[in-house]
Amino acid sequence: MAARIKPPRMRIPRKIKKDDVFKVKVRFEHPSFTGLGQVEPETTPTFNRAVPVNFIRNMLVYYGEELVTRFNMTSAIADDPMFTFKLKAVREEPITVAFINNEGERWEVSADIKFTT
C-alpha cells in the first residue's frame, strides 16, 4: 500500500518573525478505510470486517528535536485529511510532521523556520 501513497505536504508562511504565532497546514493523501463492509448482502445484510483496516493512527509534530504535539486518530478519519494548527516561533529550527498508519508505516515532511527582520 505504501508505494501508491504520496508524501505529505506542508505550508507555512514565508515571513515569520521571532515570537510570532504562525499557522501550519499539512495535507496527506492517505486513504482511510474502517474495514467494515456487507458480507453477502443478498442473504444476510450484516456488516463485518470485509477487508483490512487502513487509516492514519498518529500525527507527531516536532519543533527541532522537541515533540510539541501528538494527534491520535481512529479509523473514522477522512480520506486525504488536511490538518491546521498554530505554533509560536521561538527558535530557528525545522518543523517536522510525521504520520504513522495502523500498519506502522511512517511518512514525514519538514520545513525550516527562518526569521525575517
N, C-alpha and C. Protein backbone atom coordinates (compact mmCIF):
# COMPACT_ATOMS: atom_id res chain seq x y z
N MET A 1 0.82 -1.19 0.00
CA MET A 1 0.00 0.00 0.00
C MET A 1 0.86 1.26 0.00
N ALA A 2 2.00 1.25 0.66
CA ALA A 2 2.82 2.45 0.81
C ALA A 2 3.34 2.98 -0.53
N ALA A 3 3.47 2.12 -1.54
CA ALA A 3 4.03 2.55 -2.82
C ALA A 3 3.14 3.57 -3.52
N ARG A 4 1.83 3.53 -3.30
CA ARG A 4 0.94 4.45 -4.00
C ARG A 4 0.57 5.67 -3.17
N ILE A 5 1.04 5.77 -1.95
CA ILE A 5 0.74 6.91 -1.09
C ILE A 5 1.83 7.97 -1.27
N LYS A 6 1.40 9.19 -1.62
CA LYS A 6 2.35 10.29 -1.82
C LYS A 6 2.80 10.84 -0.47
N PRO A 7 3.99 11.44 -0.41
CA PRO A 7 4.44 12.04 0.85
C PRO A 7 3.54 13.23 1.23
N PRO A 8 3.43 13.52 2.52
CA PRO A 8 2.63 14.68 2.94
C PRO A 8 3.25 15.99 2.47
N ARG A 9 2.42 17.05 2.44
CA ARG A 9 2.88 18.39 2.05
C ARG A 9 2.57 19.36 3.19
N MET A 10 3.48 20.31 3.41
CA MET A 10 3.30 21.29 4.49
C MET A 10 3.43 22.70 3.94
N ARG A 11 2.60 23.61 4.48
CA ARG A 11 2.67 25.03 4.12
C ARG A 11 2.83 25.85 5.39
N ILE A 12 3.80 26.75 5.35
CA ILE A 12 3.99 27.71 6.44
C ILE A 12 4.15 29.09 5.80
N PRO A 13 3.94 30.16 6.57
CA PRO A 13 4.11 31.50 6.00
C PRO A 13 5.55 31.74 5.53
N ARG A 14 5.71 32.58 4.51
CA ARG A 14 7.05 32.90 4.00
C ARG A 14 7.81 33.79 4.96
N LYS A 15 7.09 34.69 5.63
CA LYS A 15 7.74 35.62 6.55
C LYS A 15 7.29 35.30 7.97
N ILE A 16 8.26 34.95 8.80
CA ILE A 16 7.99 34.66 10.21
C ILE A 16 9.00 35.44 11.04
N LYS A 17 8.49 36.18 12.01
CA LYS A 17 9.34 36.93 12.92
C LYS A 17 9.44 36.16 14.24
N LYS A 18 10.51 36.40 14.98
CA LYS A 18 10.68 35.76 16.27
C LYS A 18 9.49 36.08 17.17
N ASP A 19 8.99 35.09 17.85
CA ASP A 19 7.84 35.14 18.78
C ASP A 19 6.49 35.32 18.08
N ASP A 20 6.46 35.25 16.74
CA ASP A 20 5.17 35.23 16.03
C ASP A 20 4.47 33.90 16.26
N VAL A 21 3.15 33.93 16.30
CA VAL A 21 2.36 32.71 16.27
C VAL A 21 1.95 32.53 14.82
N PHE A 22 2.33 31.41 14.23
CA PHE A 22 2.06 31.19 12.81
C PHE A 22 1.27 29.90 12.60
N LYS A 23 0.62 29.85 11.44
CA LYS A 23 -0.24 28.72 11.11
C LYS A 23 0.52 27.71 10.24
N VAL A 24 0.37 26.44 10.57
CA VAL A 24 0.96 25.35 9.79
C VAL A 24 -0.18 24.54 9.20
N LYS A 25 -0.10 24.27 7.90
CA LYS A 25 -1.10 23.43 7.23
C LYS A 25 -0.39 22.21 6.66
N VAL A 26 -0.94 21.04 6.95
CA VAL A 26 -0.36 19.79 6.46
C VAL A 26 -1.45 18.99 5.78
N ARG A 27 -1.19 18.56 4.56
CA ARG A 27 -2.13 17.72 3.81
C ARG A 27 -1.45 16.40 3.51
N PHE A 28 -2.21 15.32 3.70
CA PHE A 28 -1.66 13.99 3.48
C PHE A 28 -2.67 13.17 2.69
N GLU A 29 -2.29 12.78 1.48
CA GLU A 29 -3.17 11.99 0.63
C GLU A 29 -3.03 10.51 1.00
N HIS A 30 -3.78 10.11 2.00
CA HIS A 30 -3.75 8.74 2.53
C HIS A 30 -5.18 8.24 2.60
N PRO A 31 -5.48 7.09 1.99
CA PRO A 31 -6.84 6.55 2.08
C PRO A 31 -7.13 6.07 3.49
N SER A 32 -8.38 6.10 3.85
CA SER A 32 -8.81 5.65 5.16
C SER A 32 -9.98 4.70 4.99
N PHE A 33 -9.88 3.54 5.61
CA PHE A 33 -10.95 2.56 5.48
C PHE A 33 -11.14 1.83 6.80
N THR A 34 -12.37 1.76 7.26
CA THR A 34 -12.68 1.11 8.54
C THR A 34 -12.57 -0.40 8.46
N GLY A 35 -12.66 -0.95 7.25
CA GLY A 35 -12.63 -2.40 7.08
C GLY A 35 -14.00 -3.02 7.10
N LEU A 36 -15.02 -2.22 7.46
CA LEU A 36 -16.37 -2.76 7.53
C LEU A 36 -17.03 -2.77 6.16
N GLY A 37 -17.75 -3.81 5.89
CA GLY A 37 -18.48 -3.92 4.64
C GLY A 37 -19.54 -4.99 4.77
N GLN A 38 -20.45 -5.01 3.83
CA GLN A 38 -21.51 -6.01 3.88
C GLN A 38 -20.98 -7.34 3.36
N VAL A 39 -21.19 -8.36 4.15
CA VAL A 39 -20.82 -9.70 3.75
C VAL A 39 -22.11 -10.40 3.33
N GLU A 40 -22.16 -10.83 2.08
CA GLU A 40 -23.34 -11.48 1.50
C GLU A 40 -24.60 -10.62 1.69
N PRO A 41 -24.66 -9.44 1.07
CA PRO A 41 -25.79 -8.52 1.27
C PRO A 41 -27.14 -9.08 0.80
N GLU A 42 -27.14 -10.03 -0.12
CA GLU A 42 -28.41 -10.58 -0.61
C GLU A 42 -29.05 -11.52 0.41
N THR A 43 -28.23 -12.28 1.11
CA THR A 43 -28.79 -13.26 2.05
C THR A 43 -28.88 -12.71 3.47
N THR A 44 -27.79 -12.20 3.98
CA THR A 44 -27.77 -11.67 5.35
C THR A 44 -27.07 -10.31 5.33
N PRO A 45 -27.83 -9.21 5.28
CA PRO A 45 -27.19 -7.88 5.21
C PRO A 45 -26.60 -7.46 6.57
N THR A 46 -25.47 -8.03 6.92
CA THR A 46 -24.79 -7.65 8.16
C THR A 46 -23.42 -7.10 7.82
N PHE A 47 -22.96 -6.19 8.66
CA PHE A 47 -21.63 -5.61 8.47
C PHE A 47 -20.61 -6.46 9.22
N ASN A 48 -19.47 -6.62 8.59
CA ASN A 48 -18.41 -7.42 9.15
C ASN A 48 -17.09 -6.89 8.62
N ARG A 49 -15.98 -7.35 9.16
CA ARG A 49 -14.67 -6.97 8.62
C ARG A 49 -14.50 -7.63 7.27
N ALA A 50 -14.73 -6.85 6.21
CA ALA A 50 -14.69 -7.39 4.86
C ALA A 50 -13.28 -7.33 4.27
N VAL A 51 -12.56 -6.25 4.56
CA VAL A 51 -11.20 -6.06 4.05
C VAL A 51 -10.34 -5.50 5.18
N PRO A 52 -9.03 -5.49 5.02
CA PRO A 52 -8.17 -4.97 6.08
C PRO A 52 -8.41 -3.49 6.38
N VAL A 53 -8.25 -3.13 7.63
CA VAL A 53 -8.37 -1.74 8.09
C VAL A 53 -7.14 -0.97 7.63
N ASN A 54 -7.34 0.32 7.27
CA ASN A 54 -6.23 1.16 6.83
C ASN A 54 -6.55 2.60 7.17
N PHE A 55 -5.78 3.21 8.09
CA PHE A 55 -6.01 4.61 8.46
C PHE A 55 -4.76 5.17 9.13
N ILE A 56 -4.71 6.51 9.23
CA ILE A 56 -3.62 7.19 9.93
C ILE A 56 -3.90 7.08 11.43
N ARG A 57 -2.97 6.51 12.16
CA ARG A 57 -3.15 6.34 13.61
C ARG A 57 -2.60 7.53 14.40
N ASN A 58 -1.41 8.03 14.02
CA ASN A 58 -0.77 9.10 14.77
C ASN A 58 -0.20 10.16 13.85
N MET A 59 -0.22 11.40 14.34
CA MET A 59 0.49 12.50 13.70
C MET A 59 1.33 13.15 14.80
N LEU A 60 2.64 13.20 14.59
CA LEU A 60 3.57 13.77 15.56
C LEU A 60 4.17 15.04 15.00
N VAL A 61 4.23 16.09 15.81
CA VAL A 61 4.78 17.38 15.38
C VAL A 61 6.00 17.69 16.23
N TYR A 62 7.14 17.89 15.55
CA TYR A 62 8.40 18.21 16.22
C TYR A 62 8.83 19.62 15.83
N TYR A 63 9.30 20.37 16.83
CA TYR A 63 9.92 21.68 16.58
C TYR A 63 11.37 21.49 16.96
N GLY A 64 12.23 21.35 15.96
CA GLY A 64 13.60 20.93 16.22
C GLY A 64 13.56 19.48 16.66
N GLU A 65 14.16 19.16 17.79
CA GLU A 65 14.16 17.80 18.34
C GLU A 65 13.01 17.57 19.31
N GLU A 66 12.30 18.64 19.67
CA GLU A 66 11.27 18.56 20.70
C GLU A 66 9.91 18.17 20.12
N LEU A 67 9.29 17.14 20.69
CA LEU A 67 7.92 16.76 20.32
C LEU A 67 6.98 17.78 20.97
N VAL A 68 6.27 18.56 20.13
CA VAL A 68 5.41 19.61 20.67
C VAL A 68 3.94 19.20 20.74
N THR A 69 3.51 18.27 19.89
CA THR A 69 2.15 17.77 19.98
C THR A 69 2.03 16.42 19.29
N ARG A 70 1.01 15.69 19.71
CA ARG A 70 0.72 14.38 19.13
C ARG A 70 -0.79 14.29 18.93
N PHE A 71 -1.18 13.88 17.74
CA PHE A 71 -2.59 13.66 17.43
C PHE A 71 -2.81 12.16 17.30
N ASN A 72 -3.73 11.61 18.08
CA ASN A 72 -4.11 10.20 17.97
C ASN A 72 -5.45 10.13 17.27
N MET A 73 -5.54 9.28 16.25
CA MET A 73 -6.76 9.21 15.44
C MET A 73 -7.32 7.79 15.41
N THR A 74 -8.55 7.70 14.92
CA THR A 74 -9.21 6.40 14.78
C THR A 74 -9.51 6.15 13.30
N SER A 75 -10.13 5.04 13.01
CA SER A 75 -10.46 4.71 11.62
C SER A 75 -11.55 5.61 11.06
N ALA A 76 -12.14 6.47 11.89
CA ALA A 76 -13.18 7.39 11.42
C ALA A 76 -12.61 8.61 10.71
N ILE A 77 -11.29 8.75 10.62
CA ILE A 77 -10.68 9.90 9.95
C ILE A 77 -10.99 9.84 8.44
N ALA A 78 -11.14 11.00 7.85
CA ALA A 78 -11.47 11.09 6.42
C ALA A 78 -10.28 10.72 5.54
N ASP A 79 -10.59 10.39 4.29
CA ASP A 79 -9.53 10.20 3.30
C ASP A 79 -8.84 11.54 3.06
N ASP A 80 -7.55 11.51 2.79
CA ASP A 80 -6.77 12.69 2.41
C ASP A 80 -7.00 13.89 3.33
N PRO A 81 -6.73 13.74 4.63
CA PRO A 81 -7.04 14.83 5.56
C PRO A 81 -6.07 16.01 5.44
N MET A 82 -6.56 17.18 5.88
CA MET A 82 -5.73 18.37 5.98
C MET A 82 -5.81 18.84 7.43
N PHE A 83 -4.66 19.07 8.03
CA PHE A 83 -4.58 19.49 9.42
C PHE A 83 -4.04 20.91 9.46
N THR A 84 -4.60 21.73 10.34
CA THR A 84 -4.13 23.10 10.55
C THR A 84 -3.93 23.30 12.05
N PHE A 85 -2.78 23.83 12.41
CA PHE A 85 -2.50 24.12 13.82
C PHE A 85 -1.56 25.30 13.89
N LYS A 86 -1.41 25.87 15.07
CA LYS A 86 -0.57 27.05 15.26
C LYS A 86 0.62 26.72 16.14
N LEU A 87 1.74 27.38 15.86
CA LEU A 87 2.95 27.26 16.67
C LEU A 87 3.52 28.65 16.90
N LYS A 88 4.31 28.78 17.97
CA LYS A 88 4.99 30.04 18.25
C LYS A 88 6.44 29.91 17.82
N ALA A 89 6.91 30.87 17.03
CA ALA A 89 8.28 30.86 16.51
C ALA A 89 9.24 31.33 17.59
N VAL A 90 9.85 30.41 18.29
CA VAL A 90 10.77 30.77 19.37
C VAL A 90 12.23 30.54 18.99
N ARG A 91 12.48 29.73 17.97
CA ARG A 91 13.85 29.47 17.53
C ARG A 91 13.86 29.06 16.05
N GLU A 92 14.99 29.24 15.42
CA GLU A 92 15.14 28.87 14.01
C GLU A 92 15.55 27.41 13.92
N GLU A 93 14.56 26.56 13.83
CA GLU A 93 14.77 25.12 13.70
C GLU A 93 13.67 24.56 12.80
N PRO A 94 13.86 23.38 12.26
CA PRO A 94 12.84 22.82 11.37
C PRO A 94 11.59 22.35 12.13
N ILE A 95 10.48 22.45 11.44
CA ILE A 95 9.22 21.85 11.90
C ILE A 95 9.09 20.54 11.12
N THR A 96 8.91 19.45 11.83
CA THR A 96 8.75 18.14 11.18
C THR A 96 7.42 17.54 11.63
N VAL A 97 6.65 17.05 10.65
CA VAL A 97 5.39 16.37 10.94
C VAL A 97 5.53 14.94 10.43
N ALA A 98 5.28 13.99 11.32
CA ALA A 98 5.38 12.57 10.96
C ALA A 98 4.01 11.93 11.10
N PHE A 99 3.64 11.14 10.10
CA PHE A 99 2.40 10.37 10.12
C PHE A 99 2.74 8.90 10.24
N ILE A 100 2.00 8.17 11.07
CA ILE A 100 2.17 6.73 11.23
C ILE A 100 0.80 6.10 11.06
N ASN A 101 0.70 5.13 10.14
CA ASN A 101 -0.60 4.49 9.96
C ASN A 101 -0.73 3.27 10.87
N ASN A 102 -1.87 2.61 10.82
CA ASN A 102 -2.13 1.49 11.71
C ASN A 102 -1.25 0.27 11.42
N GLU A 103 -0.57 0.27 10.29
CA GLU A 103 0.34 -0.82 9.96
C GLU A 103 1.79 -0.50 10.34
N GLY A 104 2.01 0.68 10.94
CA GLY A 104 3.34 1.07 11.38
C GLY A 104 4.18 1.78 10.32
N GLU A 105 3.61 2.02 9.14
CA GLU A 105 4.34 2.74 8.09
C GLU A 105 4.41 4.22 8.47
N ARG A 106 5.52 4.87 8.11
CA ARG A 106 5.77 6.25 8.53
C ARG A 106 6.11 7.13 7.34
N TRP A 107 5.57 8.35 7.34
CA TRP A 107 5.86 9.37 6.32
C TRP A 107 6.16 10.66 7.06
N GLU A 108 7.10 11.46 6.53
CA GLU A 108 7.47 12.72 7.18
C GLU A 108 7.53 13.85 6.16
N VAL A 109 7.32 15.06 6.67
CA VAL A 109 7.52 16.28 5.90
C VAL A 109 8.16 17.28 6.85
N SER A 110 9.03 18.13 6.32
CA SER A 110 9.75 19.08 7.16
C SER A 110 9.88 20.42 6.45
N ALA A 111 9.95 21.50 7.24
CA ALA A 111 10.17 22.85 6.71
C ALA A 111 11.03 23.61 7.72
N ASP A 112 12.00 24.36 7.21
CA ASP A 112 12.88 25.15 8.08
C ASP A 112 12.22 26.47 8.45
N ILE A 113 12.35 26.83 9.71
CA ILE A 113 11.88 28.13 10.20
C ILE A 113 13.07 29.09 10.18
N LYS A 114 12.95 30.14 9.39
CA LYS A 114 13.96 31.20 9.29
C LYS A 114 13.29 32.51 9.60
N PHE A 115 13.84 33.28 10.53
CA PHE A 115 13.24 34.55 10.92
C PHE A 115 13.54 35.64 9.89
N THR A 116 12.55 36.50 9.66
CA THR A 116 12.73 37.68 8.82
C THR A 116 12.83 38.89 9.71
N THR A 117 13.45 39.94 9.19
CA THR A 117 13.59 41.15 10.01
C THR A 117 12.56 42.18 9.66
